PDB file of all heavy atoms in Angstrom:
ATOM      1  N   ASP A   1      10.134  -8.852  -1.293  1.00  0.00           N
ATOM      2  CA  ASP A   1      11.397  -9.134  -1.972  1.00  0.00           C
ATOM      3  C   ASP A   1      12.063  -7.787  -2.240  1.00  0.00           C
ATOM      4  O   ASP A   1      11.500  -6.940  -2.935  1.00  0.00           O
ATOM      5  CB  ASP A   1      11.148  -9.882  -3.284  1.00  0.00           C
ATOM      6  CG  ASP A   1      12.421 -10.124  -4.101  1.00  0.00           C
ATOM      7  OD1 ASP A   1      13.528  -9.888  -3.573  1.00  0.00           O
ATOM      8  OD2 ASP A   1      12.287 -10.557  -5.268  1.00  0.00           O
ATOM      9  N   ILE A   2      13.250  -7.578  -1.674  1.00  0.00           N
ATOM     10  CA  ILE A   2      14.002  -6.350  -1.949  1.00  0.00           C
ATOM     11  C   ILE A   2      14.705  -6.563  -3.284  1.00  0.00           C
ATOM     12  O   ILE A   2      15.891  -6.846  -3.367  1.00  0.00           O
ATOM     13  CB  ILE A   2      14.993  -6.034  -0.802  1.00  0.00           C
ATOM     14  CG1 ILE A   2      14.239  -5.933   0.526  1.00  0.00           C
ATOM     15  CG2 ILE A   2      15.734  -4.722  -1.085  1.00  0.00           C
ATOM     16  CD1 ILE A   2      15.128  -5.719   1.727  1.00  0.00           C
ATOM     17  N   SER A   3      13.924  -6.446  -4.330  1.00  0.00           N
ATOM     18  CA  SER A   3      14.313  -6.898  -5.662  1.00  0.00           C
ATOM     19  C   SER A   3      14.869  -5.797  -6.547  1.00  0.00           C
ATOM     20  O   SER A   3      15.521  -6.072  -7.552  1.00  0.00           O
ATOM     21  CB  SER A   3      13.086  -7.496  -6.366  1.00  0.00           C
ATOM     22  OG  SER A   3      12.081  -6.499  -6.479  1.00  0.00           O
ATOM     23  N   GLY A   4      14.559  -4.535  -6.212  1.00  0.00           N
ATOM     24  CA  GLY A   4      14.862  -3.446  -7.131  1.00  0.00           C
ATOM     25  C   GLY A   4      13.810  -3.292  -8.208  1.00  0.00           C
ATOM     26  O   GLY A   4      13.902  -2.399  -9.049  1.00  0.00           O
ATOM     27  N   ARG A   5      12.789  -4.154  -8.174  1.00  0.00           N
ATOM     28  CA  ARG A   5      11.692  -4.092  -9.156  1.00  0.00           C
ATOM     29  C   ARG A   5      10.420  -3.702  -8.401  1.00  0.00           C
ATOM     30  O   ARG A   5       9.790  -4.558  -7.771  1.00  0.00           O
ATOM     31  CB  ARG A   5      11.522  -5.443  -9.862  1.00  0.00           C
ATOM     32  CG  ARG A   5      12.732  -5.869 -10.657  1.00  0.00           C
ATOM     33  CD  ARG A   5      12.479  -7.159 -11.442  1.00  0.00           C
ATOM     34  NE  ARG A   5      12.078  -8.253 -10.573  1.00  0.00           N
ATOM     35  CZ  ARG A   5      12.946  -9.032  -9.904  1.00  0.00           C
ATOM     36  NH1 ARG A   5      14.248  -8.799  -9.992  1.00  0.00           N
ATOM     37  NH2 ARG A   5      12.516 -10.024  -9.145  1.00  0.00           N
ATOM     38  N   PRO A   6      10.022  -2.450  -8.450  1.00  0.00           N
ATOM     39  CA  PRO A   6       8.885  -1.979  -7.634  1.00  0.00           C
ATOM     40  C   PRO A   6       7.565  -2.576  -8.098  1.00  0.00           C
ATOM     41  O   PRO A   6       7.198  -2.469  -9.271  1.00  0.00           O
ATOM     42  CB  PRO A   6       8.898  -0.466  -7.842  1.00  0.00           C
ATOM     43  CG  PRO A   6      10.238  -0.139  -8.427  1.00  0.00           C
ATOM     44  CD  PRO A   6      10.655  -1.346  -9.197  1.00  0.00           C
ATOM     45  N   PHE A   7       6.858  -3.194  -7.157  1.00  0.00           N
ATOM     46  CA  PHE A   7       5.539  -3.734  -7.475  1.00  0.00           C
ATOM     47  C   PHE A   7       4.773  -3.930  -6.172  1.00  0.00           C
ATOM     48  O   PHE A   7       5.289  -4.554  -5.232  1.00  0.00           O
ATOM     49  CB  PHE A   7       5.633  -5.064  -8.220  1.00  0.00           C
ATOM     50  CG  PHE A   7       4.289  -5.623  -8.614  1.00  0.00           C
ATOM     51  CD1 PHE A   7       3.671  -5.178  -9.766  1.00  0.00           C
ATOM     52  CD2 PHE A   7       3.653  -6.570  -7.828  1.00  0.00           C
ATOM     53  CE1 PHE A   7       2.419  -5.673 -10.131  1.00  0.00           C
ATOM     54  CE2 PHE A   7       2.415  -7.075  -8.187  1.00  0.00           C
ATOM     55  CZ  PHE A   7       1.798  -6.627  -9.336  1.00  0.00           C
ATOM     56  N   LEU A   8       3.563  -3.405  -6.101  1.00  0.00           N
ATOM     57  CA  LEU A   8       2.694  -3.625  -4.951  1.00  0.00           C
ATOM     58  C   LEU A   8       1.448  -4.367  -5.403  1.00  0.00           C
ATOM     59  O   LEU A   8       0.720  -3.900  -6.283  1.00  0.00           O
ATOM     60  CB  LEU A   8       2.281  -2.306  -4.298  1.00  0.00           C
ATOM     61  CG  LEU A   8       1.262  -2.441  -3.158  1.00  0.00           C
ATOM     62  CD1 LEU A   8       1.858  -3.172  -1.962  1.00  0.00           C
ATOM     63  CD2 LEU A   8       0.727  -1.069  -2.743  1.00  0.00           C
ATOM     64  N   ALA A   9       1.204  -5.532  -4.803  1.00  0.00           N
ATOM     65  CA  ALA A   9      -0.062  -6.244  -4.961  1.00  0.00           C
ATOM     66  C   ALA A   9      -0.831  -6.068  -3.658  1.00  0.00           C
ATOM     67  O   ALA A   9      -0.411  -6.567  -2.611  1.00  0.00           O
ATOM     68  CB  ALA A   9       0.191  -7.721  -5.247  1.00  0.00           C
ATOM     69  N   TRP A  10      -1.912  -5.323  -3.706  1.00  0.00           N
ATOM     70  CA  TRP A  10      -2.687  -4.950  -2.522  1.00  0.00           C
ATOM     71  C   TRP A  10      -4.055  -5.603  -2.623  1.00  0.00           C
ATOM     72  O   TRP A  10      -4.867  -5.239  -3.468  1.00  0.00           O
ATOM     73  CB  TRP A  10      -2.807  -3.430  -2.452  1.00  0.00           C
ATOM     74  CG  TRP A  10      -3.650  -2.874  -1.355  1.00  0.00           C
ATOM     75  CD1 TRP A  10      -4.955  -2.468  -1.448  1.00  0.00           C
ATOM     76  CD2 TRP A  10      -3.257  -2.618   0.000  1.00  0.00           C
ATOM     77  NE1 TRP A  10      -5.400  -1.983  -0.237  1.00  0.00           N
ATOM     78  CE2 TRP A  10      -4.368  -2.061   0.670  1.00  0.00           C
ATOM     79  CE3 TRP A  10      -2.063  -2.798   0.714  1.00  0.00           C
ATOM     80  CZ2 TRP A  10      -4.335  -1.686   2.008  1.00  0.00           C
ATOM     81  CZ3 TRP A  10      -2.024  -2.431   2.045  1.00  0.00           C
ATOM     82  CH2 TRP A  10      -3.141  -1.880   2.681  1.00  0.00           C
ATOM     83  N   SER A  11      -4.295  -6.594  -1.789  1.00  0.00           N
ATOM     84  CA  SER A  11      -5.579  -7.296  -1.790  1.00  0.00           C
ATOM     85  C   SER A  11      -6.189  -7.175  -0.397  1.00  0.00           C
ATOM     86  O   SER A  11      -6.233  -8.139   0.380  1.00  0.00           O
ATOM     87  CB  SER A  11      -5.385  -8.767  -2.172  1.00  0.00           C
ATOM     88  OG  SER A  11      -4.811  -8.880  -3.452  1.00  0.00           O
ATOM     89  N   VAL A  12      -6.599  -5.958  -0.077  1.00  0.00           N
ATOM     90  CA  VAL A  12      -7.133  -5.636   1.252  1.00  0.00           C
ATOM     91  C   VAL A  12      -8.409  -4.822   1.076  1.00  0.00           C
ATOM     92  O   VAL A  12      -8.397  -3.782   0.421  1.00  0.00           O
ATOM     93  CB  VAL A  12      -6.114  -4.832   2.092  1.00  0.00           C
ATOM     94  CG1 VAL A  12      -6.697  -4.527   3.472  1.00  0.00           C
ATOM     95  CG2 VAL A  12      -4.784  -5.580   2.210  1.00  0.00           C
ATOM     96  N   ALA A  13      -9.492  -5.302   1.657  1.00  0.00           N
ATOM     97  CA  ALA A  13     -10.762  -4.586   1.623  1.00  0.00           C
ATOM     98  C   ALA A  13     -11.161  -4.192   3.042  1.00  0.00           C
ATOM     99  O   ALA A  13     -11.038  -5.003   3.974  1.00  0.00           O
ATOM    100  CB  ALA A  13     -11.849  -5.455   1.000  1.00  0.00           C
ATOM    101  N   PHE A  14     -11.587  -2.952   3.205  1.00  0.00           N
ATOM    102  CA  PHE A  14     -11.997  -2.450   4.513  1.00  0.00           C
ATOM    103  C   PHE A  14     -13.524  -2.393   4.602  1.00  0.00           C
ATOM    104  O   PHE A  14     -14.190  -2.048   3.617  1.00  0.00           O
ATOM    105  CB  PHE A  14     -11.423  -1.056   4.752  1.00  0.00           C
ATOM    106  CG  PHE A  14      -9.956  -1.052   5.064  1.00  0.00           C
ATOM    107  CD1 PHE A  14      -9.017  -0.987   4.040  1.00  0.00           C
ATOM    108  CD2 PHE A  14      -9.510  -1.111   6.375  1.00  0.00           C
ATOM    109  CE1 PHE A  14      -7.658  -0.990   4.325  1.00  0.00           C
ATOM    110  CE2 PHE A  14      -8.155  -1.103   6.669  1.00  0.00           C
ATOM    111  CZ  PHE A  14      -7.233  -1.040   5.639  1.00  0.00           C
ATOM    112  N   PRO A  15     -14.086  -2.677   5.763  1.00  0.00           N
ATOM    113  CA  PRO A  15     -15.545  -2.675   5.909  1.00  0.00           C
ATOM    114  C   PRO A  15     -16.147  -1.281   6.031  1.00  0.00           C
ATOM    115  O   PRO A  15     -17.371  -1.139   5.980  1.00  0.00           O
ATOM    116  CB  PRO A  15     -15.768  -3.477   7.197  1.00  0.00           C
ATOM    117  CG  PRO A  15     -14.517  -3.242   7.992  1.00  0.00           C
ATOM    118  CD  PRO A  15     -13.409  -3.160   6.980  1.00  0.00           C
ATOM    119  N   ARG A  16     -15.327  -0.276   6.217  1.00  0.00           N
ATOM    120  CA  ARG A  16     -15.835   1.100   6.275  1.00  0.00           C
ATOM    121  C   ARG A  16     -14.815   2.050   5.670  1.00  0.00           C
ATOM    122  O   ARG A  16     -13.654   1.685   5.457  1.00  0.00           O
ATOM    123  CB  ARG A  16     -16.206   1.515   7.689  1.00  0.00           C
ATOM    124  CG  ARG A  16     -15.159   1.328   8.753  1.00  0.00           C
ATOM    125  CD  ARG A  16     -15.772   1.475  10.146  1.00  0.00           C
ATOM    126  NE  ARG A  16     -14.899   1.106  11.230  1.00  0.00           N
ATOM    127  CZ  ARG A  16     -14.201   1.955  11.962  1.00  0.00           C
ATOM    128  NH1 ARG A  16     -14.260   3.260  11.698  1.00  0.00           N
ATOM    129  NH2 ARG A  16     -13.436   1.537  12.948  1.00  0.00           N
ATOM    130  N   ASP A  17     -15.233   3.268   5.409  1.00  0.00           N
ATOM    131  CA  ASP A  17     -14.425   4.213   4.650  1.00  0.00           C
ATOM    132  C   ASP A  17     -13.369   4.928   5.485  1.00  0.00           C
ATOM    133  O   ASP A  17     -12.408   5.461   4.932  1.00  0.00           O
ATOM    134  CB  ASP A  17     -15.320   5.267   3.994  1.00  0.00           C
ATOM    135  CG  ASP A  17     -16.218   4.681   2.916  1.00  0.00           C
ATOM    136  OD1 ASP A  17     -15.864   3.618   2.376  1.00  0.00           O
ATOM    137  OD2 ASP A  17     -17.274   5.275   2.638  1.00  0.00           O
ATOM    138  N   LYS A  18     -13.561   4.968   6.801  1.00  0.00           N
ATOM    139  CA  LYS A  18     -12.637   5.713   7.648  1.00  0.00           C
ATOM    140  C   LYS A  18     -12.289   4.929   8.903  1.00  0.00           C
ATOM    141  O   LYS A  18     -13.089   4.141   9.409  1.00  0.00           O
ATOM    142  CB  LYS A  18     -13.249   7.059   8.064  1.00  0.00           C
ATOM    143  CG  LYS A  18     -13.352   8.091   6.942  1.00  0.00           C
ATOM    144  CD  LYS A  18     -13.923   9.407   7.474  1.00  0.00           C
ATOM    145  CE  LYS A  18     -14.035  10.455   6.371  1.00  0.00           C
ATOM    146  NZ  LYS A  18     -12.714  10.944   5.913  1.00  0.00           N
ATOM    147  N   VAL A  19     -11.066   5.178   9.398  1.00  0.00           N
ATOM    148  CA  VAL A  19     -10.678   4.796  10.748  1.00  0.00           C
ATOM    149  C   VAL A  19     -10.318   6.099  11.441  1.00  0.00           C
ATOM    150  O   VAL A  19      -9.382   6.794  11.029  1.00  0.00           O
ATOM    151  CB  VAL A  19      -9.484   3.826  10.773  1.00  0.00           C
ATOM    152  CG1 VAL A  19      -9.134   3.470  12.210  1.00  0.00           C
ATOM    153  CG2 VAL A  19      -9.798   2.567   9.991  1.00  0.00           C
ATOM    154  N   GLY A  20     -11.070   6.448  12.460  1.00  0.00           N
ATOM    155  CA  GLY A  20     -10.921   7.793  12.995  1.00  0.00           C
ATOM    156  C   GLY A  20     -11.278   8.787  11.907  1.00  0.00           C
ATOM    157  O   GLY A  20     -12.345   8.689  11.294  1.00  0.00           O
ATOM    158  N   GLU A  21     -10.370   9.714  11.625  1.00  0.00           N
ATOM    159  CA  GLU A  21     -10.603  10.685  10.562  1.00  0.00           C
ATOM    160  C   GLU A  21      -9.890  10.306   9.263  1.00  0.00           C
ATOM    161  O   GLU A  21      -9.962  11.043   8.279  1.00  0.00           O
ATOM    162  CB  GLU A  21     -10.119  12.071  11.014  1.00  0.00           C
ATOM    163  CG  GLU A  21     -10.888  12.635  12.203  1.00  0.00           C
ATOM    164  CD  GLU A  21     -10.422  14.029  12.576  1.00  0.00           C
ATOM    165  OE1 GLU A  21      -9.337  14.430  12.114  1.00  0.00           O
ATOM    166  OE2 GLU A  21     -11.135  14.710  13.328  1.00  0.00           O
ATOM    167  N   MET A  22      -9.218   9.164   9.253  1.00  0.00           N
ATOM    168  CA  MET A  22      -8.387   8.792   8.100  1.00  0.00           C
ATOM    169  C   MET A  22      -9.160   7.900   7.133  1.00  0.00           C
ATOM    170  O   MET A  22      -9.768   6.899   7.530  1.00  0.00           O
ATOM    171  CB  MET A  22      -7.128   8.071   8.582  1.00  0.00           C
ATOM    172  CG  MET A  22      -6.161   7.728   7.468  1.00  0.00           C
ATOM    173  SD  MET A  22      -4.594   7.095   8.113  1.00  0.00           S
ATOM    174  CE  MET A  22      -3.780   6.673   6.571  1.00  0.00           C
ATOM    175  N   ASP A  23      -9.124   8.247   5.848  1.00  0.00           N
ATOM    176  CA  ASP A  23      -9.741   7.421   4.814  1.00  0.00           C
ATOM    177  C   ASP A  23      -8.971   6.115   4.665  1.00  0.00           C
ATOM    178  O   ASP A  23      -7.736   6.117   4.491  1.00  0.00           O
ATOM    179  CB  ASP A  23      -9.743   8.156   3.469  1.00  0.00           C
ATOM    180  CG  ASP A  23     -10.570   9.427   3.501  1.00  0.00           C
ATOM    181  OD1 ASP A  23     -11.627   9.416   4.146  1.00  0.00           O
ATOM    182  OD2 ASP A  23     -10.141  10.425   2.895  1.00  0.00           O
ATOM    183  N   THR A  24      -9.673   4.995   4.708  1.00  0.00           N
ATOM    184  CA  THR A  24      -8.995   3.702   4.630  1.00  0.00           C
ATOM    185  C   THR A  24      -8.346   3.468   3.262  1.00  0.00           C
ATOM    186  O   THR A  24      -7.392   2.703   3.155  1.00  0.00           O
ATOM    187  CB  THR A  24      -9.973   2.562   4.949  1.00  0.00           C
ATOM    188  OG1 THR A  24     -11.152   2.693   4.138  1.00  0.00           O
ATOM    189  CG2 THR A  24     -10.375   2.590   6.412  1.00  0.00           C
ATOM    190  N   GLU A  25      -8.818   4.134   2.212  1.00  0.00           N
ATOM    191  CA  GLU A  25      -8.197   3.977   0.894  1.00  0.00           C
ATOM    192  C   GLU A  25      -6.764   4.516   0.872  1.00  0.00           C
ATOM    193  O   GLU A  25      -5.971   4.162  -0.010  1.00  0.00           O
ATOM    194  CB  GLU A  25      -9.027   4.673  -0.177  1.00  0.00           C
ATOM    195  CG  GLU A  25      -9.062   6.193  -0.067  1.00  0.00           C
ATOM    196  CD  GLU A  25      -9.934   6.841  -1.125  1.00  0.00           C
ATOM    197  OE1 GLU A  25     -10.669   6.111  -1.814  1.00  0.00           O
ATOM    198  OE2 GLU A  25      -9.864   8.071  -1.268  1.00  0.00           O
ATOM    199  N   LEU A  26      -6.410   5.344   1.848  1.00  0.00           N
ATOM    200  CA  LEU A  26      -5.068   5.941   1.869  1.00  0.00           C
ATOM    201  C   LEU A  26      -3.992   4.965   2.317  1.00  0.00           C
ATOM    202  O   LEU A  26      -2.799   5.201   2.073  1.00  0.00           O
ATOM    203  CB  LEU A  26      -5.054   7.172   2.767  1.00  0.00           C
ATOM    204  CG  LEU A  26      -5.926   8.341   2.307  1.00  0.00           C
ATOM    205  CD1 LEU A  26      -5.770   9.525   3.251  1.00  0.00           C
ATOM    206  CD2 LEU A  26      -5.560   8.745   0.875  1.00  0.00           C
ATOM    207  N   PHE A  27      -4.374   3.859   2.953  1.00  0.00           N
ATOM    208  CA  PHE A  27      -3.360   2.883   3.337  1.00  0.00           C
ATOM    209  C   PHE A  27      -2.677   2.297   2.102  1.00  0.00           C
ATOM    210  O   PHE A  27      -1.461   2.132   2.062  1.00  0.00           O
ATOM    211  CB  PHE A  27      -3.974   1.772   4.189  1.00  0.00           C
ATOM    212  CG  PHE A  27      -4.535   2.264   5.489  1.00  0.00           C
ATOM    213  CD1 PHE A  27      -5.868   2.103   5.800  1.00  0.00           C
ATOM    214  CD2 PHE A  27      -3.716   2.920   6.409  1.00  0.00           C
ATOM    215  CE1 PHE A  27      -6.390   2.570   6.992  1.00  0.00           C
ATOM    216  CE2 PHE A  27      -4.230   3.394   7.605  1.00  0.00           C
ATOM    217  CZ  PHE A  27      -5.561   3.220   7.903  1.00  0.00           C
ATOM    218  N   GLU A  28      -3.450   2.013   1.085  1.00  0.00           N
ATOM    219  CA  GLU A  28      -2.865   1.516  -0.163  1.00  0.00           C
ATOM    220  C   GLU A  28      -1.945   2.566  -0.776  1.00  0.00           C
ATOM    221  O   GLU A  28      -0.858   2.239  -1.284  1.00  0.00           O
ATOM    222  CB  GLU A  28      -3.951   1.130  -1.159  1.00  0.00           C
ATOM    223  CG  GLU A  28      -3.408   0.599  -2.476  1.00  0.00           C
ATOM    224  CD  GLU A  28      -4.488   0.167  -3.453  1.00  0.00           C
ATOM    225  OE1 GLU A  28      -5.688   0.328  -3.134  1.00  0.00           O
ATOM    226  OE2 GLU A  28      -4.132  -0.323  -4.543  1.00  0.00           O
ATOM    227  N   GLU A  29      -2.345   3.839  -0.742  1.00  0.00           N
ATOM    228  CA  GLU A  29      -1.510   4.901  -1.302  1.00  0.00           C
ATOM    229  C   GLU A  29      -0.187   5.012  -0.550  1.00  0.00           C
ATOM    230  O   GLU A  29       0.868   5.236  -1.155  1.00  0.00           O
ATOM    231  CB  GLU A  29      -2.250   6.235  -1.258  1.00  0.00           C
ATOM    232  CG  GLU A  29      -3.537   6.272  -2.061  1.00  0.00           C
ATOM    233  CD  GLU A  29      -3.324   5.888  -3.517  1.00  0.00           C
ATOM    234  OE1 GLU A  29      -2.306   6.310  -4.099  1.00  0.00           O
ATOM    235  OE2 GLU A  29      -4.172   5.165  -4.062  1.00  0.00           O
ATOM    236  N   PHE A  30      -0.230   4.864   0.770  1.00  0.00           N
ATOM    237  CA  PHE A  30       1.000   4.898   1.554  1.00  0.00           C
ATOM    238  C   PHE A  30       1.937   3.769   1.144  1.00  0.00           C
ATOM    239  O   PHE A  30       3.131   3.998   0.863  1.00  0.00           O
ATOM    240  CB  PHE A  30       0.695   4.784   3.050  1.00  0.00           C
ATOM    241  CG  PHE A  30       1.916   4.503   3.887  1.00  0.00           C
ATOM    242  CD1 PHE A  30       2.833   5.509   4.157  1.00  0.00           C
ATOM    243  CD2 PHE A  30       2.160   3.228   4.370  1.00  0.00           C
ATOM    244  CE1 PHE A  30       3.980   5.241   4.915  1.00  0.00           C
ATOM    245  CE2 PHE A  30       3.295   2.952   5.123  1.00  0.00           C
ATOM    246  CZ  PHE A  30       4.194   3.973   5.394  1.00  0.00           C
ATOM    247  N   PHE A  31       1.433   2.553   1.125  1.00  0.00           N
ATOM    248  CA  PHE A  31       2.297   1.416   0.808  1.00  0.00           C
ATOM    249  C   PHE A  31       2.799   1.483  -0.629  1.00  0.00           C
ATOM    250  O   PHE A  31       3.945   1.114  -0.909  1.00  0.00           O
ATOM    251  CB  PHE A  31       1.569   0.096   1.083  1.00  0.00           C
ATOM    252  CG  PHE A  31       1.549  -0.287   2.531  1.00  0.00           C
ATOM    253  CD1 PHE A  31       0.362  -0.255   3.244  1.00  0.00           C
ATOM    254  CD2 PHE A  31       2.711  -0.655   3.189  1.00  0.00           C
ATOM    255  CE1 PHE A  31       0.342  -0.607   4.588  1.00  0.00           C
ATOM    256  CE2 PHE A  31       2.703  -0.994   4.535  1.00  0.00           C
ATOM    257  CZ  PHE A  31       1.516  -0.974   5.236  1.00  0.00           C
ATOM    258  N   ARG A  32       1.980   1.971  -1.554  1.00  0.00           N
ATOM    259  CA  ARG A  32       2.446   2.097  -2.935  1.00  0.00           C
ATOM    260  C   ARG A  32       3.599   3.098  -3.027  1.00  0.00           C
ATOM    261  O   ARG A  32       4.609   2.839  -3.685  1.00  0.00           O
ATOM    262  CB  ARG A  32       1.306   2.507  -3.868  1.00  0.00           C
ATOM    263  CG  ARG A  32       1.773   2.679  -5.331  1.00  0.00           C
ATOM    264  CD  ARG A  32       0.621   2.872  -6.289  1.00  0.00           C
ATOM    265  NE  ARG A  32      -0.105   1.619  -6.473  1.00  0.00           N
ATOM    266  CZ  ARG A  32      -1.321   1.369  -5.987  1.00  0.00           C
ATOM    267  NH1 ARG A  32      -1.955   2.296  -5.292  1.00  0.00           N
ATOM    268  NH2 ARG A  32      -1.902   0.218  -6.190  1.00  0.00           N
ATOM    269  N   GLY A  33       3.465   4.256  -2.364  1.00  0.00           N
ATOM    270  CA  GLY A  33       4.547   5.227  -2.371  1.00  0.00           C
ATOM    271  C   GLY A  33       5.826   4.659  -1.777  1.00  0.00           C
ATOM    272  O   GLY A  33       6.923   4.869  -2.308  1.00  0.00           O
ATOM    273  N   LEU A  34       5.705   3.925  -0.678  1.00  0.00           N
ATOM    274  CA  LEU A  34       6.877   3.333  -0.029  1.00  0.00           C
ATOM    275  C   LEU A  34       7.518   2.278  -0.924  1.00  0.00           C
ATOM    276  O   LEU A  34       8.735   2.304  -1.163  1.00  0.00           O
ATOM    277  CB  LEU A  34       6.449   2.727   1.310  1.00  0.00           C
ATOM    278  CG  LEU A  34       7.546   2.306   2.300  1.00  0.00           C
ATOM    279  CD1 LEU A  34       6.952   2.164   3.699  1.00  0.00           C
ATOM    280  CD2 LEU A  34       8.230   1.018   1.903  1.00  0.00           C
ATOM    281  N   VAL A  35       6.719   1.349  -1.405  1.00  0.00           N
ATOM    282  CA  VAL A  35       7.232   0.217  -2.183  1.00  0.00           C
ATOM    283  C   VAL A  35       7.905   0.684  -3.466  1.00  0.00           C
ATOM    284  O   VAL A  35       9.010   0.232  -3.809  1.00  0.00           O
ATOM    285  CB  VAL A  35       6.072  -0.763  -2.478  1.00  0.00           C
ATOM    286  CG1 VAL A  35       6.438  -1.729  -3.601  1.00  0.00           C
ATOM    287  CG2 VAL A  35       5.687  -1.520  -1.217  1.00  0.00           C
ATOM    288  N   ILE A  36       7.286   1.598  -4.188  1.00  0.00           N
ATOM    289  CA  ILE A  36       7.851   2.057  -5.458  1.00  0.00           C
ATOM    290  C   ILE A  36       9.179   2.762  -5.224  1.00  0.00           C
ATOM    291  O   ILE A  36      10.158   2.538  -5.953  1.00  0.00           O
ATOM    292  CB  ILE A  36       6.852   2.977  -6.183  1.00  0.00           C
ATOM    293  CG1 ILE A  36       5.683   2.152  -6.727  1.00  0.00           C
ATOM    294  CG2 ILE A  36       7.536   3.743  -7.323  1.00  0.00           C
ATOM    295  CD1 ILE A  36       4.563   2.984  -7.312  1.00  0.00           C
ATOM    296  N   ASN A  37       9.257   3.596  -4.206  1.00  0.00           N
ATOM    297  CA  ASN A  37      10.471   4.374  -3.986  1.00  0.00           C
ATOM    298  C   ASN A  37      11.577   3.576  -3.308  1.00  0.00           C
ATOM    299  O   ASN A  37      12.754   3.920  -3.442  1.00  0.00           O
ATOM    300  CB  ASN A  37      10.132   5.631  -3.187  1.00  0.00           C
ATOM    301  CG  ASN A  37       9.451   6.664  -4.041  1.00  0.00           C
ATOM    302  OD1 ASN A  37      10.091   7.470  -4.702  1.00  0.00           O
ATOM    303  ND2 ASN A  37       8.121   6.630  -4.069  1.00  0.00           N
ATOM    304  N   ALA A  38      11.222   2.503  -2.612  1.00  0.00           N
ATOM    305  CA  ALA A  38      12.243   1.640  -2.014  1.00  0.00           C
ATOM    306  C   ALA A  38      12.721   0.571  -2.990  1.00  0.00           C
ATOM    307  O   ALA A  38      13.780  -0.023  -2.783  1.00  0.00           O
ATOM    308  CB  ALA A  38      11.695   0.978  -0.755  1.00  0.00           C
ATOM    309  N   GLY A  39      11.949   0.312  -4.041  1.00  0.00           N
ATOM    310  CA  GLY A  39      12.312  -0.741  -4.985  1.00  0.00           C
ATOM    311  C   GLY A  39      11.989  -2.126  -4.463  1.00  0.00           C
ATOM    312  O   GLY A  39      12.766  -3.065  -4.636  1.00  0.00           O
ATOM    313  N   LEU A  40      10.820  -2.272  -3.850  1.00  0.00           N
ATOM    314  CA  LEU A  40      10.404  -3.556  -3.299  1.00  0.00           C
ATOM    315  C   LEU A  40       9.356  -4.211  -4.192  1.00  0.00           C
ATOM    316  O   LEU A  40       8.553  -3.526  -4.823  1.00  0.00           O
ATOM    317  CB  LEU A  40       9.771  -3.381  -1.912  1.00  0.00           C
ATOM    318  CG  LEU A  40      10.516  -2.581  -0.857  1.00  0.00           C
ATOM    319  CD1 LEU A  40       9.705  -2.539   0.429  1.00  0.00           C
ATOM    320  CD2 LEU A  40      11.899  -3.157  -0.610  1.00  0.00           C
ATOM    321  N   THR A  41       9.354  -5.526  -4.197  1.00  0.00           N
ATOM    322  CA  THR A  41       8.191  -6.284  -4.624  1.00  0.00           C
ATOM    323  C   THR A  41       7.462  -6.671  -3.351  1.00  0.00           C
ATOM    324  O   THR A  41       8.057  -7.264  -2.449  1.00  0.00           O
ATOM    325  CB  THR A  41       8.588  -7.546  -5.404  1.00  0.00           C
ATOM    326  OG1 THR A  41       9.309  -7.160  -6.581  1.00  0.00           O
ATOM    327  CG2 THR A  41       7.363  -8.348  -5.804  1.00  0.00           C
ATOM    328  N   CYS A  42       6.185  -6.326  -3.250  1.00  0.00           N
ATOM    329  CA  CYS A  42       5.469  -6.514  -1.984  1.00  0.00           C
ATOM    330  C   CYS A  42       4.041  -6.949  -2.256  1.00  0.00           C
ATOM    331  O   CYS A  42       3.344  -6.322  -3.048  1.00  0.00           O
ATOM    332  CB  CYS A  42       5.492  -5.217  -1.174  1.00  0.00           C
ATOM    333  SG  CYS A  42       4.592  -5.285   0.390  1.00  0.00           S
ATOM    334  N   HIS A  43       3.638  -8.019  -1.592  1.00  0.00           N
ATOM    335  CA  HIS A  43       2.262  -8.498  -1.642  1.00  0.00           C
ATOM    336  C   HIS A  43       1.668  -8.397  -0.246  1.00  0.00           C
ATOM    337  O   HIS A  43       2.226  -8.950   0.710  1.00  0.00           O
ATOM    338  CB  HIS A  43       2.199  -9.951  -2.114  1.00  0.00           C
ATOM    339  CG  HIS A  43       2.546 -10.139  -3.555  1.00  0.00           C
ATOM    340  ND1 HIS A  43       1.620 -10.517  -4.499  1.00  0.00           N
ATOM    341  CD2 HIS A  43       3.726  -9.987  -4.217  1.00  0.00           C
ATOM    342  CE1 HIS A  43       2.209 -10.600  -5.683  1.00  0.00           C
ATOM    343  NE2 HIS A  43       3.482 -10.279  -5.534  1.00  0.00           N
TER     344      HIS A  43
END
C-alpha cells in the first residue's frame, strides 16, 4: 500500500545464513530501508 505510512511486516525465514557471500539477514534490512524511505506499507 503506497500509504505514506511506513511499515514493513517481514515473515521470511531462510534455511541458511548466506547466499553466496551475502548474509540472508540483510534482505530484511534492504526492504526495511526501502519501505521506510518510500513511505510504503508492505507485507
